[in-house]
N, C-alpha and C. Protein backbone atom coordinates (compact mmCIF):
# COMPACT_ATOMS: atom_id res chain seq x y z
N MET A 1 -78.47 -21.89 29.53
CA MET A 1 -78.59 -20.38 29.02
C MET A 1 -77.28 -20.08 28.72
N ASN A 2 -76.93 -18.81 27.97
CA ASN A 2 -75.25 -18.50 27.27
C ASN A 2 -74.84 -18.08 28.41
N TYR A 3 -74.00 -17.33 27.85
CA TYR A 3 -73.33 -16.45 29.03
C TYR A 3 -74.04 -15.30 29.04
N LEU A 4 -74.47 -14.48 28.31
CA LEU A 4 -75.01 -13.14 29.11
C LEU A 4 -76.47 -13.72 29.71
N SER A 5 -76.93 -14.65 29.42
CA SER A 5 -78.01 -14.66 30.24
C SER A 5 -77.95 -15.16 31.41
N HIS A 6 -77.24 -15.95 31.84
CA HIS A 6 -76.37 -16.03 33.32
C HIS A 6 -76.34 -15.05 33.73
N TYR A 7 -75.30 -13.88 33.23
CA TYR A 7 -74.80 -12.81 33.94
C TYR A 7 -76.13 -11.63 34.41
N TYR A 8 -76.99 -11.58 33.04
CA TYR A 8 -78.08 -10.72 33.57
C TYR A 8 -78.68 -11.18 34.54
N PHE A 9 -79.50 -12.45 34.65
CA PHE A 9 -80.79 -12.48 35.45
C PHE A 9 -80.08 -13.10 36.84
N ASP A 10 -78.88 -13.39 37.09
CA ASP A 10 -78.01 -13.59 37.93
C ASP A 10 -77.22 -13.28 38.89
N LYS A 11 -76.57 -12.03 38.39
CA LYS A 11 -75.25 -11.47 38.45
C LYS A 11 -75.27 -10.80 40.36
N ASP A 12 -74.63 -10.51 40.87
CA ASP A 12 -74.57 -9.90 42.10
C ASP A 12 -73.76 -8.62 41.99
N GLU A 13 -74.82 -7.52 41.81
CA GLU A 13 -73.48 -6.02 41.81
C GLU A 13 -72.44 -5.95 42.63
N ASN A 14 -72.48 -6.36 44.03
CA ASN A 14 -71.76 -6.34 44.89
C ASN A 14 -70.18 -7.52 44.88
N ASN A 15 -70.65 -8.76 44.19
CA ASN A 15 -70.05 -9.83 44.26
C ASN A 15 -69.23 -10.42 42.54
N LYS A 16 -68.31 -9.83 42.35
CA LYS A 16 -67.45 -10.04 41.15
C LYS A 16 -66.80 -11.53 41.27
N TYR A 17 -66.65 -12.36 42.11
CA TYR A 17 -66.35 -13.45 42.15
C TYR A 17 -67.49 -14.34 42.21
N PHE A 18 -68.89 -13.99 42.84
CA PHE A 18 -70.21 -14.69 42.13
C PHE A 18 -70.24 -14.74 41.05
N ASN A 19 -69.76 -13.58 40.15
CA ASN A 19 -70.26 -13.57 39.06
C ASN A 19 -69.59 -14.21 37.73
N ILE A 20 -68.15 -14.43 38.31
CA ILE A 20 -67.43 -14.90 37.12
C ILE A 20 -67.62 -16.70 37.31
N GLY A 21 -67.96 -16.99 39.10
CA GLY A 21 -68.47 -18.47 39.14
C GLY A 21 -69.95 -18.79 38.05
N LEU A 22 -70.78 -17.85 37.93
CA LEU A 22 -71.85 -17.56 36.80
C LEU A 22 -71.55 -18.61 35.75
N ILE A 23 -70.39 -17.98 35.22
CA ILE A 23 -70.12 -17.91 33.71
C ILE A 23 -69.24 -19.56 33.81
N LEU A 24 -68.29 -19.44 34.81
CA LEU A 24 -67.25 -20.59 34.55
C LEU A 24 -67.15 -22.22 34.39
N PRO A 25 -68.61 -22.42 34.31
CA PRO A 25 -68.91 -23.79 33.62
C PRO A 25 -69.02 -24.17 32.21
N ASP A 26 -69.21 -22.77 31.63
CA ASP A 26 -69.52 -22.57 30.66
C ASP A 26 -67.96 -22.18 29.85
N LEU A 27 -66.86 -21.52 30.52
CA LEU A 27 -65.76 -21.04 30.19
C LEU A 27 -64.83 -21.91 30.09
N ALA A 28 -65.08 -22.74 31.14
CA ALA A 28 -64.38 -23.74 31.16
C ALA A 28 -64.09 -24.83 30.12
N ARG A 29 -65.69 -25.20 29.56
CA ARG A 29 -65.61 -26.02 28.81
C ARG A 29 -65.84 -26.06 27.26
N SER A 30 -65.33 -23.92 27.12
CA SER A 30 -64.87 -23.42 26.28
C SER A 30 -63.58 -23.42 25.86
N HIS A 31 -62.98 -23.28 27.47
CA HIS A 31 -61.42 -22.98 27.03
C HIS A 31 -60.71 -24.32 27.16
N ILE A 32 -61.36 -25.42 27.76
CA ILE A 32 -60.73 -26.82 27.46
C ILE A 32 -61.70 -27.52 27.26
N ALA A 33 -62.03 -28.31 25.94
CA ALA A 33 -63.23 -29.20 25.96
C ALA A 33 -63.57 -30.43 26.95
N LYS A 34 -62.59 -30.68 27.42
CA LYS A 34 -63.23 -32.10 28.66
C LYS A 34 -63.32 -31.46 29.61
N LEU A 35 -63.12 -30.33 30.24
CA LEU A 35 -62.24 -29.71 31.65
C LEU A 35 -63.75 -29.72 31.91
N ARG A 36 -64.60 -30.03 33.05
CA ARG A 36 -66.11 -30.11 33.60
C ARG A 36 -65.89 -29.32 34.95
N ILE A 37 -66.91 -28.29 35.24
CA ILE A 37 -66.81 -28.22 36.93
C ILE A 37 -67.93 -29.09 37.46
N ASN A 38 -67.83 -29.24 38.77
CA ASN A 38 -68.79 -30.14 39.27
C ASN A 38 -68.58 -29.21 40.44
N PRO A 39 -69.44 -28.42 40.89
CA PRO A 39 -69.35 -27.57 42.26
C PRO A 39 -69.86 -28.46 43.55
N TYR A 40 -69.21 -28.18 44.37
CA TYR A 40 -69.24 -28.43 45.74
C TYR A 40 -70.69 -27.89 46.56
N LYS A 41 -71.15 -28.87 47.00
CA LYS A 41 -72.48 -28.13 47.80
C LYS A 41 -72.19 -27.89 49.19
N ASN A 42 -71.58 -29.14 50.02
CA ASN A 42 -71.56 -29.14 51.30
C ASN A 42 -70.41 -28.81 52.08
N ILE A 43 -69.73 -27.96 51.39
CA ILE A 43 -68.35 -27.62 51.78
C ILE A 43 -68.11 -26.22 51.82
N THR A 44 -67.62 -25.93 53.07
CA THR A 44 -67.47 -24.19 53.58
C THR A 44 -66.15 -23.99 53.13
N PHE A 45 -65.87 -22.97 52.06
CA PHE A 45 -64.03 -22.69 52.12
C PHE A 45 -63.98 -21.53 52.90
N THR A 46 -62.63 -21.62 52.97
CA THR A 46 -62.01 -21.03 53.95
C THR A 46 -61.79 -19.36 53.65
N THR A 47 -62.19 -19.15 52.21
CA THR A 47 -61.58 -17.86 51.63
C THR A 47 -63.21 -17.50 50.75
N LYS A 48 -63.57 -16.35 51.20
CA LYS A 48 -64.77 -15.65 50.36
C LYS A 48 -64.73 -15.84 49.24
N GLU A 49 -63.56 -15.47 48.06
CA GLU A 49 -63.19 -15.90 46.89
C GLU A 49 -63.88 -16.96 46.28
N ILE A 50 -63.29 -17.88 46.77
CA ILE A 50 -63.03 -19.04 46.73
C ILE A 50 -64.87 -19.81 46.40
N SER A 51 -65.31 -19.58 47.93
CA SER A 51 -66.21 -19.75 48.37
C SER A 51 -67.54 -19.37 47.69
N SER A 52 -67.44 -17.92 47.37
CA SER A 52 -68.25 -17.24 46.14
C SER A 52 -68.47 -17.06 44.55
N MET A 53 -67.26 -17.84 43.75
CA MET A 53 -67.27 -18.44 42.58
C MET A 53 -68.02 -19.97 42.96
N ASN A 54 -68.04 -20.92 43.90
CA ASN A 54 -68.42 -21.79 43.84
C ASN A 54 -70.16 -21.81 43.98
N ASP A 55 -70.33 -20.81 44.96
CA ASP A 55 -71.59 -20.48 44.74
C ASP A 55 -72.35 -20.06 43.57
N GLY A 56 -71.38 -19.23 42.64
CA GLY A 56 -71.79 -18.99 41.38
C GLY A 56 -72.04 -19.93 40.50
N CYS A 57 -71.31 -20.91 40.71
CA CYS A 57 -71.50 -22.34 39.54
C CYS A 57 -72.36 -23.11 40.40
N ASN A 58 -72.71 -23.16 41.39
CA ASN A 58 -74.05 -24.04 41.53
C ASN A 58 -75.16 -23.12 41.26
N LYS A 59 -75.37 -21.57 41.21
CA LYS A 59 -76.30 -21.09 40.70
C LYS A 59 -77.03 -21.18 39.21
N HIS A 60 -75.49 -21.34 38.61
CA HIS A 60 -75.57 -21.73 37.21
C HIS A 60 -76.53 -22.65 36.83
N PHE A 61 -75.73 -23.86 37.78
CA PHE A 61 -76.47 -25.51 37.20
C PHE A 61 -78.22 -24.80 37.70
N ALA A 62 -78.73 -24.51 39.00
CA ALA A 62 -80.11 -24.22 38.97
C ALA A 62 -80.69 -23.60 37.98
N SER A 63 -79.87 -22.65 37.88
CA SER A 63 -80.72 -21.41 36.42
C SER A 63 -80.78 -22.50 35.42
N ASP A 64 -80.15 -22.93 34.93
CA ASP A 64 -79.73 -23.90 33.93
C ASP A 64 -80.87 -24.85 33.63
N ARG A 65 -81.50 -25.62 34.76
CA ARG A 65 -82.31 -26.76 35.17
C ARG A 65 -83.32 -26.02 35.06
N LYS A 66 -83.84 -24.92 35.44
CA LYS A 66 -84.89 -24.13 35.59
C LYS A 66 -85.40 -23.78 33.97
N PHE A 67 -84.49 -23.04 33.56
CA PHE A 67 -84.81 -22.63 32.06
C PHE A 67 -84.64 -23.36 31.46
N HIS A 68 -84.13 -24.94 31.19
CA HIS A 68 -84.80 -25.72 30.59
C HIS A 68 -86.05 -26.47 30.70
N ASN A 69 -86.50 -25.97 31.76
CA ASN A 69 -87.81 -26.83 31.92
C ASN A 69 -88.96 -25.98 31.92
N TRP A 70 -88.36 -24.76 31.69
CA TRP A 70 -89.07 -23.38 31.01
C TRP A 70 -90.32 -23.74 30.00
N MET A 71 -91.78 -23.73 30.40
CA MET A 71 -92.50 -24.06 29.18
C MET A 71 -92.39 -23.27 27.68
N THR A 72 -91.88 -21.95 27.60
CA THR A 72 -91.39 -20.74 26.71
C THR A 72 -90.25 -21.63 25.81
N PHE A 73 -89.24 -22.01 26.79
CA PHE A 73 -88.33 -22.52 26.35
C PHE A 73 -88.23 -24.05 24.98
N VAL A 74 -89.37 -24.83 26.24
CA VAL A 74 -89.51 -26.03 25.60
C VAL A 74 -90.29 -26.13 24.43
N GLU A 75 -91.35 -25.27 24.30
CA GLU A 75 -92.32 -24.52 23.49
C GLU A 75 -91.67 -24.59 22.12
N LEU A 76 -90.72 -23.30 22.54
CA LEU A 76 -90.26 -22.37 21.23
C LEU A 76 -88.97 -23.53 20.50
N THR A 77 -88.36 -24.42 20.89
CA THR A 77 -86.99 -25.19 20.89
C THR A 77 -88.06 -26.28 20.05
N ASN A 78 -89.45 -27.03 20.25
CA ASN A 78 -90.05 -28.04 19.43
C ASN A 78 -90.88 -27.24 18.27
N LYS A 79 -91.21 -25.89 18.27
CA LYS A 79 -91.54 -25.71 17.55
C LYS A 79 -90.34 -25.01 16.53
N ALA A 80 -89.08 -24.45 16.68
CA ALA A 80 -87.96 -24.46 15.76
C ALA A 80 -87.56 -25.85 15.06
N THR A 81 -87.54 -26.65 15.78
CA THR A 81 -87.39 -28.04 15.34
C THR A 81 -88.30 -28.71 14.40
N ASP A 82 -89.59 -28.32 14.78
CA ASP A 82 -90.70 -29.06 13.29
C ASP A 82 -90.26 -27.99 12.34
N MET A 83 -90.23 -26.73 12.78
CA MET A 83 -90.14 -25.65 11.15
C MET A 83 -89.13 -26.48 10.39
N ILE A 84 -87.86 -27.06 11.38
CA ILE A 84 -86.86 -27.59 10.31
C ILE A 84 -87.30 -28.60 9.52
N ARG A 85 -87.87 -29.78 10.14
CA ARG A 85 -88.28 -31.08 9.91
C ARG A 85 -89.72 -30.66 8.41
N GLU A 86 -90.26 -30.07 8.78
CA GLU A 86 -91.29 -29.22 8.20
C GLU A 86 -90.70 -28.72 6.98
N SER A 87 -89.46 -28.46 6.59
CA SER A 87 -89.09 -27.80 5.52
C SER A 87 -88.30 -28.96 4.86
N GLY A 88 -88.60 -29.94 4.78
CA GLY A 88 -87.98 -31.29 4.16
C GLY A 88 -86.39 -31.24 4.37
N ASP A 89 -85.91 -30.38 4.55
CA ASP A 89 -84.33 -30.62 5.03
C ASP A 89 -83.78 -32.29 5.72
N LYS A 90 -83.43 -32.65 5.47
CA LYS A 90 -83.06 -33.87 6.00
C LYS A 90 -81.77 -33.90 6.74
N ASP A 91 -81.20 -32.88 6.16
CA ASP A 91 -79.65 -33.10 6.21
C ASP A 91 -79.01 -32.43 7.20
N ILE A 92 -80.05 -31.56 8.14
CA ILE A 92 -79.34 -30.74 9.15
C ILE A 92 -79.58 -31.78 10.40
N ASN A 93 -78.66 -32.80 10.71
CA ASN A 93 -78.22 -33.42 11.43
C ASN A 93 -78.26 -32.84 13.19
N ARG A 94 -78.79 -33.77 14.42
CA ARG A 94 -78.67 -33.16 15.60
C ARG A 94 -79.80 -32.32 15.28
N ASP A 95 -80.85 -31.61 14.59
CA ASP A 95 -82.22 -30.81 14.94
C ASP A 95 -82.10 -30.17 16.27
N TYR A 96 -82.58 -31.10 17.03
CA TYR A 96 -82.99 -30.50 18.09
C TYR A 96 -81.83 -29.86 18.91
N PHE A 97 -80.89 -30.51 19.01
CA PHE A 97 -79.63 -29.47 19.68
C PHE A 97 -79.19 -28.44 18.75
N ILE A 98 -79.44 -28.19 17.55
CA ILE A 98 -79.14 -26.97 16.85
C ILE A 98 -80.15 -26.18 17.50
N THR A 99 -81.36 -26.34 17.59
CA THR A 99 -82.51 -25.32 17.86
C THR A 99 -82.60 -25.20 19.49
N HIS A 100 -81.96 -25.81 20.31
CA HIS A 100 -81.38 -25.38 21.52
C HIS A 100 -80.53 -24.39 21.85
N ILE A 101 -79.86 -24.75 21.50
CA ILE A 101 -78.50 -23.51 21.06
C ILE A 101 -79.05 -22.38 20.90
N MET A 102 -79.68 -22.26 19.42
CA MET A 102 -80.42 -21.05 18.73
C MET A 102 -80.96 -20.68 19.80
N VAL A 103 -81.84 -21.12 20.22
CA VAL A 103 -82.81 -20.49 21.17
C VAL A 103 -82.15 -19.79 22.16
N GLU A 104 -80.65 -20.49 22.89
CA GLU A 104 -80.03 -19.85 24.00
C GLU A 104 -79.38 -18.64 23.56
N ILE A 105 -79.20 -18.61 22.66
CA ILE A 105 -78.30 -17.57 21.82
C ILE A 105 -79.13 -16.29 21.54
N LEU A 106 -80.11 -16.94 20.65
CA LEU A 106 -81.18 -15.84 20.78
C LEU A 106 -81.48 -15.26 21.78
N LEU A 107 -81.61 -15.47 22.93
CA LEU A 107 -82.19 -14.91 24.17
C LEU A 107 -80.62 -14.08 24.22
N ASP A 108 -79.75 -14.32 24.24
CA ASP A 108 -78.58 -13.36 24.89
C ASP A 108 -78.79 -12.55 23.73
N LYS A 109 -79.14 -12.39 22.50
CA LYS A 109 -79.49 -10.87 21.45
C LYS A 109 -80.43 -10.50 21.95
N ILE A 110 -81.63 -11.19 22.59
CA ILE A 110 -82.86 -9.70 22.83
C ILE A 110 -82.31 -9.31 24.20
N LEU A 111 -81.67 -9.91 25.21
CA LEU A 111 -81.22 -9.06 26.15
C LEU A 111 -80.31 -7.98 25.85
N LEU A 112 -79.26 -8.26 25.14
CA LEU A 112 -78.36 -7.03 24.52
C LEU A 112 -79.06 -6.14 23.66
N ASP A 113 -80.08 -6.43 22.83
CA ASP A 113 -80.81 -5.49 22.56
C ASP A 113 -81.34 -4.73 23.30
N LYS A 114 -82.27 -5.11 24.37
CA LYS A 114 -82.46 -4.15 25.32
C LYS A 114 -81.75 -3.67 26.21
N ASN A 115 -80.55 -4.00 26.63
CA ASN A 115 -79.07 -3.33 27.23
C ASN A 115 -78.20 -3.41 26.61
N PRO A 116 -77.67 -2.52 25.72
CA PRO A 116 -76.67 -2.52 24.69
C PRO A 116 -75.10 -2.72 25.33
N THR A 117 -75.20 -2.02 26.67
CA THR A 117 -73.69 -1.88 27.29
C THR A 117 -73.99 -3.95 27.97
N LEU A 118 -74.34 -4.29 27.70
CA LEU A 118 -74.35 -5.81 28.61
C LEU A 118 -73.31 -6.15 28.37
N ALA A 119 -72.54 -6.50 26.79
CA ALA A 119 -71.71 -7.76 26.51
C ALA A 119 -70.29 -6.66 27.16
N ASP A 120 -70.38 -5.29 26.81
CA ASP A 120 -69.02 -4.58 27.96
C ASP A 120 -69.35 -4.83 29.23
N ASP A 121 -70.10 -4.94 29.60
CA ASP A 121 -70.31 -5.11 31.30
C ASP A 121 -69.99 -6.57 31.80
N PHE A 122 -70.20 -7.58 30.95
CA PHE A 122 -69.54 -8.72 30.95
C PHE A 122 -68.26 -8.89 30.78
N TYR A 123 -67.89 -8.52 29.89
CA TYR A 123 -66.61 -8.55 30.00
C TYR A 123 -65.26 -7.35 30.73
N ALA A 124 -65.73 -6.77 31.25
CA ALA A 124 -65.20 -5.64 32.13
C ALA A 124 -65.57 -6.72 33.72
N MET A 125 -66.57 -7.32 33.88
CA MET A 125 -66.60 -8.19 34.79
C MET A 125 -65.37 -9.22 34.85
N ILE A 126 -65.14 -10.03 33.82
CA ILE A 126 -64.24 -10.92 33.70
C ILE A 126 -62.97 -10.25 33.90
N ASN A 127 -62.70 -9.34 33.07
CA ASN A 127 -61.26 -8.44 33.67
C ASN A 127 -61.07 -7.87 34.91
N SER A 128 -62.21 -8.12 35.76
CA SER A 128 -61.86 -7.50 37.01
C SER A 128 -61.41 -8.64 38.30
N VAL A 129 -61.83 -9.76 37.87
CA VAL A 129 -61.50 -10.70 38.43
C VAL A 129 -60.06 -11.35 38.47
N GLU A 130 -59.06 -11.25 39.36
CA GLU A 130 -57.78 -11.83 39.38
C GLU A 130 -57.65 -13.14 38.88
N MET A 131 -56.65 -13.26 38.05
CA MET A 131 -56.48 -14.72 37.41
C MET A 131 -56.06 -15.58 38.11
N ASP A 132 -55.36 -15.19 39.38
CA ASP A 132 -54.81 -16.30 40.08
C ASP A 132 -56.13 -16.52 41.26
N TRP A 133 -57.35 -16.13 41.73
CA TRP A 133 -58.25 -16.66 41.79
C TRP A 133 -58.99 -17.67 40.94
N ILE A 134 -59.24 -17.14 39.96
CA ILE A 134 -59.71 -18.17 38.78
C ILE A 134 -58.81 -19.41 38.66
N LEU A 135 -57.92 -19.54 38.61
CA LEU A 135 -56.64 -20.77 38.46
C LEU A 135 -57.13 -21.62 39.71
N LYS A 136 -56.99 -20.82 40.87
CA LYS A 136 -56.91 -21.80 41.89
C LYS A 136 -58.53 -22.39 41.96
N PHE A 137 -59.56 -21.52 41.65
CA PHE A 137 -60.51 -22.14 41.42
C PHE A 137 -60.77 -23.38 40.58
N MET A 138 -59.95 -23.18 39.67
CA MET A 138 -60.11 -24.23 38.27
C MET A 138 -59.26 -25.17 38.75
N ARG A 139 -58.32 -25.44 39.53
CA ARG A 139 -57.52 -26.62 40.06
C ARG A 139 -58.50 -27.50 40.70
N TYR A 140 -59.54 -27.09 41.53
CA TYR A 140 -60.75 -27.80 41.94
C TYR A 140 -61.17 -28.63 41.09
N ALA A 141 -61.60 -28.42 40.17
CA ALA A 141 -62.26 -28.89 38.85
C ALA A 141 -61.08 -29.88 38.25
N GLY A 142 -59.94 -29.70 38.19
CA GLY A 142 -58.74 -30.71 37.73
C GLY A 142 -58.16 -29.90 36.58
N LEU A 143 -58.27 -28.31 36.54
CA LEU A 143 -57.25 -28.03 35.92
C LEU A 143 -55.67 -28.03 36.09
N GLN A 144 -55.13 -28.78 35.44
CA GLN A 144 -53.83 -29.05 35.01
C GLN A 144 -52.41 -27.99 34.63
N ASP A 145 -52.84 -27.03 33.87
CA ASP A 145 -52.06 -26.89 32.91
C ASP A 145 -52.27 -25.19 32.95
N ASP A 146 -51.77 -24.34 33.52
CA ASP A 146 -52.46 -22.90 34.32
C ASP A 146 -52.19 -22.31 32.75
N GLU A 147 -51.12 -22.13 32.34
CA GLU A 147 -50.70 -21.50 30.73
C GLU A 147 -51.62 -21.92 29.49
N LEU A 148 -52.33 -23.25 29.47
CA LEU A 148 -53.03 -23.45 28.40
C LEU A 148 -54.55 -22.57 28.65
N TRP A 149 -54.76 -22.39 30.11
CA TRP A 149 -56.19 -21.89 30.32
C TRP A 149 -56.13 -20.61 29.95
N LYS A 150 -54.37 -19.97 30.24
CA LYS A 150 -54.54 -18.45 30.25
C LYS A 150 -54.52 -17.85 28.80
N GLY A 151 -53.86 -18.81 28.15
CA GLY A 151 -53.66 -18.78 26.27
C GLY A 151 -55.23 -18.78 26.13
N GLN A 152 -55.67 -19.81 26.25
CA GLN A 152 -57.34 -20.23 25.85
C GLN A 152 -57.97 -18.47 26.32
N HIS A 153 -57.71 -17.99 27.47
CA HIS A 153 -58.59 -17.18 28.28
C HIS A 153 -58.59 -15.82 27.33
N ARG A 154 -57.17 -15.58 26.98
CA ARG A 154 -56.47 -14.60 26.02
C ARG A 154 -57.20 -14.54 24.89
N ARG A 155 -57.32 -15.72 24.11
CA ARG A 155 -58.20 -15.69 22.80
C ARG A 155 -59.90 -15.11 22.95
N PHE A 156 -60.00 -16.11 23.78
CA PHE A 156 -61.76 -15.75 24.93
C PHE A 156 -61.96 -13.99 24.75
N MET A 157 -61.10 -13.69 25.53
CA MET A 157 -61.23 -12.07 25.70
C MET A 157 -60.99 -11.07 24.34
N LYS A 158 -60.05 -11.27 23.90
CA LYS A 158 -59.67 -10.80 22.18
C LYS A 158 -60.89 -10.97 21.45
N ALA A 159 -61.47 -11.74 21.06
CA ALA A 159 -62.33 -12.54 20.42
C ALA A 159 -63.85 -11.98 20.83
N ALA A 160 -64.28 -11.52 21.91
CA ALA A 160 -64.84 -10.55 22.26
C ALA A 160 -66.42 -10.86 21.54
N PHE A 161 -66.72 -12.24 20.97
CA PHE A 161 -67.58 -12.42 20.38
C PHE A 161 -69.20 -12.33 20.58
N LEU A 162 -69.27 -12.00 21.88
CA LEU A 162 -70.72 -11.78 22.30
C LEU A 162 -71.29 -11.07 21.94
N LYS A 163 -70.09 -9.68 21.83
CA LYS A 163 -70.89 -8.13 21.77
C LYS A 163 -71.63 -8.20 19.96
N SER A 164 -71.15 -9.36 19.08
CA SER A 164 -71.48 -9.47 17.90
C SER A 164 -73.10 -10.42 18.06
N TYR A 165 -73.92 -10.41 19.08
CA TYR A 165 -75.42 -10.98 18.76
C TYR A 165 -75.98 -9.89 19.05
N THR A 166 -76.01 -9.11 17.58
CA THR A 166 -76.92 -8.03 17.47
C THR A 166 -77.99 -7.97 16.17
N SER A 167 -77.46 -9.08 15.85
CA SER A 167 -78.43 -9.65 14.64
C SER A 167 -78.70 -11.16 14.61
N ILE A 168 -80.30 -11.27 13.75
CA ILE A 168 -80.16 -12.89 14.01
C ILE A 168 -78.94 -13.51 13.25
N GLU A 169 -78.42 -12.88 11.83
CA GLU A 169 -77.26 -13.33 11.27
C GLU A 169 -76.20 -14.14 12.09
N ASN A 170 -75.76 -12.81 12.73
CA ASN A 170 -74.85 -13.31 13.65
C ASN A 170 -75.04 -14.18 14.78
N VAL A 171 -76.34 -14.44 15.15
CA VAL A 171 -76.82 -15.79 16.19
C VAL A 171 -76.63 -17.18 15.45
N ILE A 172 -76.96 -17.11 14.08
CA ILE A 172 -76.91 -18.26 13.10
C ILE A 172 -75.41 -18.47 13.22
N ALA A 173 -74.61 -17.35 12.99
CA ALA A 173 -72.91 -17.40 13.00
C ALA A 173 -72.50 -18.79 14.23
N ALA A 174 -73.08 -17.85 14.85
CA ALA A 174 -72.55 -18.21 16.25
C ALA A 174 -73.17 -19.60 16.81
N VAL A 175 -74.25 -20.16 16.49
CA VAL A 175 -74.89 -21.43 16.00
C VAL A 175 -73.64 -22.46 15.28
N GLU A 176 -73.33 -21.86 14.21
CA GLU A 176 -72.28 -22.56 13.43
C GLU A 176 -71.05 -23.24 13.88
N GLY A 177 -70.80 -21.77 14.47
CA GLY A 177 -69.31 -22.18 15.46
C GLY A 177 -69.38 -23.15 16.40
N VAL A 178 -70.63 -23.39 17.40
CA VAL A 178 -70.49 -24.46 17.95
C VAL A 178 -70.90 -25.85 17.28
N CYS A 179 -71.95 -25.86 16.09
CA CYS A 179 -71.42 -26.74 15.49
C CYS A 179 -70.50 -27.59 14.99
N ALA A 180 -69.27 -26.46 14.88
CA ALA A 180 -68.04 -26.70 13.82
C ALA A 180 -67.25 -27.20 14.56
N ASN A 181 -67.31 -26.31 16.22
CA ASN A 181 -66.67 -27.15 17.18
C ASN A 181 -66.93 -28.86 17.62
N LEU A 182 -68.12 -29.21 17.45
CA LEU A 182 -68.52 -30.86 17.32
C LEU A 182 -68.28 -31.31 16.35
N GLY A 183 -67.66 -30.95 15.39
CA GLY A 183 -67.10 -31.67 13.86
C GLY A 183 -69.08 -32.12 13.07
N MET A 184 -69.75 -31.16 13.31
CA MET A 184 -70.91 -31.45 12.71
C MET A 184 -71.07 -30.92 11.19
N ILE A 185 -71.81 -31.13 10.73
CA ILE A 185 -71.73 -30.48 8.98
C ILE A 185 -71.74 -29.10 9.20
N GLU A 186 -71.47 -28.36 7.88
CA GLU A 186 -71.51 -27.38 7.60
C GLU A 186 -72.99 -26.93 6.90
N LEU A 187 -73.56 -25.52 7.46
CA LEU A 187 -74.83 -25.20 6.91
C LEU A 187 -74.32 -24.92 5.43
N ASN A 188 -75.29 -24.97 4.59
CA ASN A 188 -75.28 -24.36 3.35
C ASN A 188 -76.23 -23.10 3.46
N ASP A 189 -75.91 -22.03 2.07
CA ASP A 189 -77.07 -21.18 2.50
C ASP A 189 -77.90 -21.30 2.59
N GLU A 190 -78.95 -22.19 2.39
CA GLU A 190 -80.23 -22.47 2.04
C GLU A 190 -80.76 -23.06 3.57
N GLN A 191 -79.75 -23.64 4.14
CA GLN A 191 -80.11 -24.16 5.21
C GLN A 191 -80.17 -23.14 6.67
N ARG A 192 -78.59 -22.29 6.32
CA ARG A 192 -78.64 -20.90 7.02
C ARG A 192 -79.52 -19.77 6.88
N ASN A 193 -80.69 -19.70 5.64
CA ASN A 193 -81.94 -19.10 5.56
C ASN A 193 -82.52 -19.20 6.46
N LEU A 194 -82.68 -20.87 6.13
CA LEU A 194 -84.18 -21.10 6.97
C LEU A 194 -83.87 -21.26 8.52
N LEU A 195 -83.11 -21.06 8.87
CA LEU A 195 -82.64 -20.84 10.40
C LEU A 195 -83.04 -19.42 10.78
N ILE A 196 -82.21 -18.31 10.02
CA ILE A 196 -82.73 -16.93 10.01
C ILE A 196 -84.23 -16.67 9.96
N GLU A 197 -84.76 -17.47 9.40
CA GLU A 197 -86.76 -17.79 9.05
C GLU A 197 -86.95 -17.76 10.36
N ILE A 198 -86.35 -18.86 10.49
CA ILE A 198 -87.22 -19.52 12.33
C ILE A 198 -86.99 -18.52 13.25
N CYS A 199 -85.62 -18.00 13.17
CA CYS A 199 -85.24 -16.93 14.53
C CYS A 199 -86.37 -15.80 14.67
N GLU A 200 -86.26 -15.21 13.10
CA GLU A 200 -87.53 -14.60 12.73
C GLU A 200 -88.74 -14.94 13.41
N THR A 201 -88.96 -15.93 13.28
CA THR A 201 -90.52 -16.14 13.76
C THR A 201 -90.45 -16.50 15.45
N ILE A 202 -89.66 -17.00 16.15
CA ILE A 202 -89.79 -17.06 17.35
C ILE A 202 -89.42 -16.35 18.38
N GLU A 203 -88.67 -15.10 17.77
CA GLU A 203 -88.13 -13.92 18.69
C GLU A 203 -89.04 -13.22 19.21
N PRO A 204 -89.89 -12.67 18.39
CA PRO A 204 -91.09 -11.68 19.23
C PRO A 204 -91.79 -12.74 20.47
N GLU A 205 -91.91 -13.84 20.55
CA GLU A 205 -92.47 -14.68 21.46
C GLU A 205 -91.29 -15.00 22.60
N LEU A 206 -89.90 -15.05 22.48
CA LEU A 206 -89.43 -14.68 23.34
C LEU A 206 -88.91 -13.84 24.30
N ALA A 207 -88.99 -12.73 23.64
CA ALA A 207 -88.56 -11.13 23.73
C ALA A 207 -89.90 -10.69 24.52
N ARG A 208 -91.12 -11.10 24.68
CA ARG A 208 -92.35 -10.78 25.51
C ARG A 208 -92.09 -12.06 26.62
N SER A 209 -91.45 -12.96 26.52
CA SER A 209 -91.60 -13.74 27.59
C SER A 209 -90.47 -13.32 29.01
N ILE A 210 -89.23 -12.51 28.54
CA ILE A 210 -88.26 -12.29 29.70
C ILE A 210 -88.85 -11.87 31.17
N ASP A 211 -90.09 -10.96 31.21
CA ASP A 211 -90.28 -11.28 32.92
C ASP A 211 -90.77 -12.43 33.04
N ALA A 212 -91.58 -13.62 32.29
CA ALA A 212 -91.84 -14.62 32.85
C ALA A 212 -90.91 -15.67 32.83
N LEU A 213 -90.00 -15.33 32.58
CA LEU A 213 -88.40 -16.09 32.42
C LEU A 213 -87.60 -15.66 33.99
N GLU A 214 -87.82 -14.19 34.09
CA GLU A 214 -87.34 -13.64 35.50
C GLU A 214 -87.83 -14.35 36.72
N ILE A 215 -89.13 -14.51 36.40
CA ILE A 215 -89.78 -15.46 37.87
C ILE A 215 -89.56 -16.89 37.85
N GLN A 216 -89.40 -17.67 36.69
CA GLN A 216 -89.71 -18.77 36.35
C GLN A 216 -87.71 -18.71 37.43
N LEU A 217 -86.79 -18.01 37.02
CA LEU A 217 -85.30 -18.36 37.80
C LEU A 217 -85.19 -17.97 39.26
N LEU A 218 -86.29 -17.65 39.55
CA LEU A 218 -86.16 -16.86 41.29
C LEU A 218 -86.12 -18.03 42.21
């Protein structure tokens, strides 16, 4: 799942440290490409802040496993991939990866459509967590440069790109951003329009399945 989905489905209204933990695995990868979080499962931390962040990280990975095994996700990702291949375009490389990311970001768009303040709430939650606690936790994951993290974090918060997930065109733009970061080929207008058409085709079924996804994630 993507940022907003993790926050929407799993947040704890009374524990901001748990909530930041929900998104730290993705945030870490966004801020520092090679930084990965491997949450601790059998350790009791002495501070509730660090313990809650670790619990949130564990929940992140548990929900991702459930989501990726969710039949609707599998079916729609396969359908989107088939539509790319049936179009005859052989220049879209790693098409299954692209559709995987596309369905995840499309889910964020659907949740934002239903809950217009979701992105604002998400960024407010991040702002509410003291940076010192985030840095302390990230050192467990191997963070060595606090200033690098803080600089990347400022850019992430200033961009506030999740607020733009209000149209399918912006969903595809976000997918292109992910591909660009991985050095993949840039989409041309025809390919971009193809992905927009695919999103328009699969979005209604994904939107109808939100309640089922909530049950899947229990």
